[in-house]
């Protein structure tokens, strides 16, 4: 098989994130029983890059602030306790098949004062070594496709219980390294995006438990330009603009034991694939302008803002399908003496929208300036790129030096 074909198939496998292709169907029978997964470019932006979030079922919108808050809710940085901190994370990818594909993530923050915090992060996804050949099987060269995103944020407290943040992001995706694919010259994809987030936390008394805390947050992430891998102006893909909102309840059982419960809800704010008309042989039907005829749903070739609005009402199966497009993360975290943590979580996605379902487990240690987190993923419905692998994060609290 041509190595370009292998590479293309590999890309689809890596970045589907467990999502099935839409597949063949009879438009007259329609979709209530059909898979209709939403896909975007650069889906590596949706992967939980750190071990703590990875052990909580990918929940983190309202978890207690830490150096990796950029990925979940940058508004949490305003409530972080330490003056300055840093984290580095590593996640193997498809380790049961290859050993050179991985996701690396580094992030850090600095508190300007009691109200203002700045932070930045780098997310790097390496697809390992790929050998390109021509149609005759001659080797063209060896390449290392990769993607990365650089983020920066400003977070500020509005009051004792509320904060907000804006973040900017530069996205670079080089999957083919300039090779000619199906007669077209390819190039690296570039995009810019922004996040808008808010966060709230307050102490409360709950069923005679005095030391309890309730928190919730909202983050609209990756609001940005479409991305293209060729010079064709019509071939542009949405990046994963996403609405995240979630809540946390933390209970101090006594001076040594703390228990937290978290729930996150996510929805991609990009168009849902419509159902296109086909003839008796299954070939697409086109109108007079050369556009495919849509039986149900909306035209996905719209602007970014229109796509965000349209994503709430464009599902071909109506409201029922729109509800299927939400996916959920739930997590539980236990701390003993602020030193040792045990975590567990569950991730759920509808079977017609990707069918990702998995449990996660993890643990954490913290001692003065140093912290270490681990996580492990257990898939339920299908194979997962991160199954049978151990992810880890190193955390450094430089503010503790002065203490």
Foldseek 3Di string as FASTA:
>chain_A
DALVVVLVVVVCVQQLQLADDQDDDDPVVNDPPTFFADHFPPSVLVDLFAQVCQQQQNDDQWDQDAQSCVSRFVQNVLVDDFAKKKKKWKFAFLVVVDGFWIKIKIKMKGAPDNFKIKMKMKIKTKPGKGWHDDPVRHTPDIDIWMKMKIKMKMKGAPDPFKIKMKMKMKIWGGSPVQDQDPNFTWAIKIKIFMKIKMKGKDFDQDPNQRGKMKMKMKMFTGLIFWIGGGPDPQDTTGDFGKIKIKMKMKGDPDQFKIKMKIKMKMAGQAAGDFAFDADPVRHFDADPVRHTHGPFFDDRSDGSVVSSVRLQAGDRVGPVVSVQRMKMKIKMWMGGNVFKIWMKIWIAHDPSHSGWTWIKIKMKGDDQFKIKIKMAIGTDPDDGRRHPHIMMMIMGRVSSVVD
